Structures are given as structure tokens and as C-alpha cells.
C-alpha atoms as a PDB file:
ATOM      1  CA  UNK A   1      50.862 -45.922 -32.589  1.00  0.00           C
ATOM      2  CA  UNK A   2      49.066 -48.890 -34.019  1.00  0.00           C
ATOM      3  CA  UNK A   3      46.085 -50.341 -32.172  1.00  0.00           C
ATOM      4  CA  UNK A   4      47.996 -53.576 -31.494  1.00  0.00           C
ATOM      5  CA  UNK A   5      50.937 -51.658 -30.046  1.00  0.00           C
ATOM      6  CA  UNK A   6      48.583 -49.608 -27.883  1.00  0.00           C
ATOM      7  CA  UNK A   7      46.900 -52.777 -26.619  1.00  0.00           C
ATOM      8  CA  UNK A   8      50.293 -54.338 -25.905  1.00  0.00           C
ATOM      9  CA  UNK A   9      51.345 -51.268 -23.902  1.00  0.00           C
ATOM     10  CA  UNK A  10      48.077 -51.383 -21.972  1.00  0.00           C
ATOM     11  CA  UNK A  11      48.476 -55.076 -21.193  1.00  0.00           C
ATOM     12  CA  UNK A  12      52.090 -54.486 -20.128  1.00  0.00           C
ATOM     13  CA  UNK A  13      50.972 -51.640 -17.814  1.00  0.00           C
ATOM     14  CA  UNK A  14      48.271 -53.822 -16.276  1.00  0.00           C
ATOM     15  CA  UNK A  15      50.763 -56.642 -15.715  1.00  0.00           C
ATOM     16  CA  UNK A  16      53.173 -54.236 -14.012  1.00  0.00           C
ATOM     17  CA  UNK A  17      50.405 -52.989 -11.696  1.00  0.00           C
ATOM     18  CA  UNK A  18      49.418 -56.571 -10.855  1.00  0.00           C
ATOM     19  CA  UNK A  19      53.064 -57.419 -10.167  1.00  0.00           C
ATOM     20  CA  UNK A  20      53.462 -54.410  -7.849  1.00  0.00           C
ATOM     21  CA  UNK A  21      50.278 -55.279  -5.965  1.00  0.00           C
ATOM     22  CA  UNK A  22      51.523 -58.859  -5.554  1.00  0.00           C
ATOM     23  CA  UNK A  23      54.854 -57.560  -4.205  1.00  0.00           C
ATOM     24  CA  UNK A  24      53.119 -55.236  -1.737  1.00  0.00           C
ATOM     25  CA  UNK A  25      50.792 -57.961  -0.492  1.00  0.00           C
ATOM     26  CA  UNK A  26      53.727 -60.381  -0.121  1.00  0.00           C
ATOM     27  CA  UNK A  27      55.629 -57.812   1.962  1.00  0.00           C
ATOM     28  CA  UNK A  28      52.585 -57.157   4.160  1.00  0.00           C
ATOM     29  CA  UNK A  29      52.016 -60.901   4.697  1.00  0.00           C
ATOM     30  CA  UNK A  30      55.698 -61.373   5.596  1.00  0.00           C
ATOM     31  CA  UNK A  31      55.534 -58.641   8.258  1.00  0.00           C
ATOM     32  CA  UNK A  32      54.848 -59.343  11.904  1.00  0.00           C
ATOM     33  CA  UNK A  33      51.122 -59.835  12.602  1.00  0.00           C
ATOM     34  CA  UNK A  34      50.831 -56.718  14.787  1.00  0.00           C
ATOM     35  CA  UNK A  35      52.351 -54.541  12.032  1.00  0.00           C
ATOM     36  CA  UNK A  36      50.218 -55.859   9.139  1.00  0.00           C
ATOM     37  CA  UNK A  37      47.247 -53.564   9.751  1.00  0.00           C
ATOM     38  CA  UNK A  38      49.487 -50.496   9.859  1.00  0.00           C
ATOM     39  CA  UNK A  39      51.330 -51.506   6.686  1.00  0.00           C
ATOM     40  CA  UNK A  40      48.056 -52.234   4.895  1.00  0.00           C
ATOM     41  CA  UNK A  41      46.671 -48.827   5.878  1.00  0.00           C
ATOM     42  CA  UNK A  42      49.909 -47.125   4.828  1.00  0.00           C
ATOM     43  CA  UNK A  43      49.846 -48.839   1.424  1.00  0.00           C
ATOM     44  CA  UNK A  44      46.195 -47.881   0.870  1.00  0.00           C
ATOM     45  CA  UNK A  45      46.800 -44.272   1.879  1.00  0.00           C
ATOM     46  CA  UNK A  46      49.890 -43.858  -0.286  1.00  0.00           C
ATOM     47  CA  UNK A  47      48.222 -45.445  -3.298  1.00  0.00           C
ATOM     48  CA  UNK A  48      45.085 -43.347  -2.865  1.00  0.00           C
ATOM     49  CA  UNK A  49      47.100 -40.111  -2.613  1.00  0.00           C
ATOM     50  CA  UNK A  50      49.212 -40.977  -5.662  1.00  0.00           C
ATOM     51  CA  UNK A  51      46.204 -41.911  -7.785  1.00  0.00           C
ATOM     52  CA  UNK A  52      44.355 -38.764  -6.691  1.00  0.00           C
ATOM     53  CA  UNK A  53      47.211 -36.563  -7.934  1.00  0.00           C
ATOM     54  CA  UNK A  54      47.293 -38.431 -11.254  1.00  0.00           C
ATOM     55  CA  UNK A  55      43.538 -38.003 -11.763  1.00  0.00           C
ATOM     56  CA  UNK A  56      43.824 -34.246 -11.147  1.00  0.00           C
ATOM     57  CA  UNK A  57      46.414 -33.850 -13.902  1.00  0.00           C
ATOM     58  CA  UNK A  58      44.429 -33.649 -17.122  1.00  0.00           C
ATOM     59  CA  UNK A  59      46.366 -33.382 -20.370  1.00  0.00           C
ATOM     60  CA  UNK A  60      46.409 -29.924 -21.932  1.00  0.00           C
ATOM     61  CA  UNK A  61      44.606 -31.233 -25.022  1.00  0.00           C
ATOM     62  CA  UNK A  62      41.620 -32.374 -22.934  1.00  0.00           C
ATOM     63  CA  UNK A  63      41.249 -29.102 -21.084  1.00  0.00           C
ATOM     64  CA  UNK A  64      38.852 -26.784 -22.816  1.00  0.00           C
ATOM     65  CA  UNK A  65      39.983 -23.184 -22.919  1.00  0.00           C
ATOM     66  CA  UNK A  66      37.731 -21.266 -20.597  1.00  0.00           C
ATOM     67  CA  UNK A  67      36.541 -17.813 -21.402  1.00  0.00           C
ATOM     68  CA  UNK A  68      36.834 -15.478 -18.463  1.00  0.00           C
ATOM     69  CA  UNK A  69      33.368 -14.651 -17.212  1.00  0.00           C
ATOM     70  CA  UNK A  70      32.472 -11.032 -17.380  1.00  0.00           C
ATOM     71  CA  UNK A  71      30.835  -9.846 -14.206  1.00  0.00           C
ATOM     72  CA  UNK A  72      27.717  -7.749 -14.430  1.00  0.00           C
ATOM     73  CA  UNK A  73      27.826  -4.856 -11.924  1.00  0.00           C
ATOM     74  CA  UNK A  74      24.038  -4.937 -11.508  1.00  0.00           C
ATOM     75  CA  UNK A  75      23.935  -7.190  -8.421  1.00  0.00           C
ATOM     76  CA  UNK A  76      26.737  -5.422  -6.505  1.00  0.00           C
ATOM     77  CA  UNK A  77      25.100  -2.125  -7.415  1.00  0.00           C
ATOM     78  CA  UNK A  78      21.787  -3.175  -5.889  1.00  0.00           C
ATOM     79  CA  UNK A  79      23.616  -4.344  -2.764  1.00  0.00           C
ATOM     80  CA  UNK A  80      25.505  -1.055  -2.444  1.00  0.00           C
ATOM     81  CA  UNK A  81      22.320   0.943  -2.932  1.00  0.00           C
ATOM     82  CA  UNK A  82      20.539  -0.943  -0.163  1.00  0.00           C
ATOM     83  CA  UNK A  83      23.566  -0.654   2.117  1.00  0.00           C
ATOM     84  CA  UNK A  84      23.900   3.048   1.329  1.00  0.00           C
ATOM     85  CA  UNK A  85      20.221   3.749   1.997  1.00  0.00           C
ATOM     86  CA  UNK A  86      20.527   2.001   5.346  1.00  0.00           C
ATOM     87  CA  UNK A  87      23.695   3.864   6.270  1.00  0.00           C
ATOM     88  CA  UNK A  88      22.096   7.182   5.301  1.00  0.00           C
ATOM     89  CA  UNK A  89      20.164   7.006   8.564  1.00  0.00           C
ATOM     90  CA  UNK A  90      23.322   6.546  10.660  1.00  0.00           C
ATOM     91  CA  UNK A  91      26.141   8.198   8.679  1.00  0.00           C
ATOM     92  CA  UNK A  92      24.512  10.360   5.987  1.00  0.00           C
ATOM     93  CA  UNK A  93      27.613  11.278   3.957  1.00  0.00           C
ATOM     94  CA  UNK A  94      28.892   7.701   3.612  1.00  0.00           C
ATOM     95  CA  UNK A  95      25.368   6.382   3.035  1.00  0.00           C
ATOM     96  CA  UNK A  96      24.678   8.833   0.212  1.00  0.00           C
ATOM     97  CA  UNK A  97      28.065   8.089  -1.352  1.00  0.00           C
ATOM     98  CA  UNK A  98      27.452   4.324  -1.311  1.00  0.00           C
ATOM     99  CA  UNK A  99      23.916   4.777  -2.639  1.00  0.00           C
ATOM    100  CA  UNK A 100      25.171   6.941  -5.534  1.00  0.00           C
ATOM    101  CA  UNK A 101      27.928   4.433  -6.365  1.00  0.00           C
ATOM    102  CA  UNK A 102      25.309   1.672  -6.217  1.00  0.00           C
ATOM    103  CA  UNK A 103      23.002   3.629  -8.515  1.00  0.00           C
ATOM    104  CA  UNK A 104      25.826   4.106 -11.029  1.00  0.00           C
ATOM    105  CA  UNK A 105      26.572   0.361 -10.941  1.00  0.00           C
ATOM    106  CA  UNK A 106      22.882  -0.500 -11.367  1.00  0.00           C
ATOM    107  CA  UNK A 107      22.607   1.760 -14.427  1.00  0.00           C
ATOM    108  CA  UNK A 108      25.847   0.366 -15.843  1.00  0.00           C
ATOM    109  CA  UNK A 109      24.674  -3.217 -15.239  1.00  0.00           C
ATOM    110  CA  UNK A 110      21.329  -2.481 -16.825  1.00  0.00           C
ATOM    111  CA  UNK A 111      23.013  -1.103 -19.949  1.00  0.00           C
ATOM    112  CA  UNK A 112      25.290  -4.161 -20.167  1.00  0.00           C
ATOM    113  CA  UNK A 113      22.317  -6.530 -19.754  1.00  0.00           C
ATOM    114  CA  UNK A 114      20.343  -4.657 -22.387  1.00  0.00           C
ATOM    115  CA  UNK A 115      23.238  -4.786 -24.858  1.00  0.00           C
ATOM    116  CA  UNK A 116      23.768  -8.531 -24.292  1.00  0.00           C
ATOM    117  CA  UNK A 117      20.091  -9.329 -24.826  1.00  0.00           C
ATOM    118  CA  UNK A 118      20.011  -7.081 -27.881  1.00  0.00           C
ATOM    119  CA  UNK A 119      23.066  -8.787 -29.394  1.00  0.00           C
ATOM    120  CA  UNK A 120      21.691 -12.287 -28.776  1.00  0.00           C
END
């Protein structure tokens, strides 16, 4: 599209919006006085909801492809180790199992962190 054609489309869109707003305000003014506040609130609510849905819809070209974040098992491993050590006092078998799983995750997370820092 040429710049002039784009500007003409934009002006035409603005004129249509102005025309619609004029129509809505004319209808609200023509209503009975006790119903005007309700109609005004209804118009505002409907317009706000419609515009909110339009703003949420971004074109596919504008959306940047997001890389899925890889989770490092270091933090959950530390949590499981602490939980397991605490449970060892109450339920030894489950506590030891959770602590061992946590230790494995901590080692795995440490290796992943070391490899990432080494590659960078």
C-alpha cells in the first residue's frame, strides 16, 4: 500500500469511529433521563471489553518466538534435600529417599550450571 492510501484508510477509520460515537451519544441523549446513566455505563463497558480483546490479539509477525526456558534442577534439589533431612527425624525411610533424590538433583543442577558457564 502507498503511504497516501494508508493515510486515507486511517482517516476513513477515524471518521467511522467518530460517526459511531456520535450515534451512540445521540441514542443515549434520546433515552429517558432515568435510563441514560445505565446506557452510558453499558456503552462504556462494552467498548472497554471489545477494545481490551483487540489489544490482546497481537499479529503473529510482532510476536517474538520464545525459547522454552530450561529449568535447572538445582533449586528443587536443595528443597528436597532440606525436606528429606527434616523428614528423616519423623519418617526415616521417606526422609532418606527424598534427601538422596535431592542430592542427585543438586549434583545434576551443579553440572548443568558448570557447563552453561563454561560454554558462555
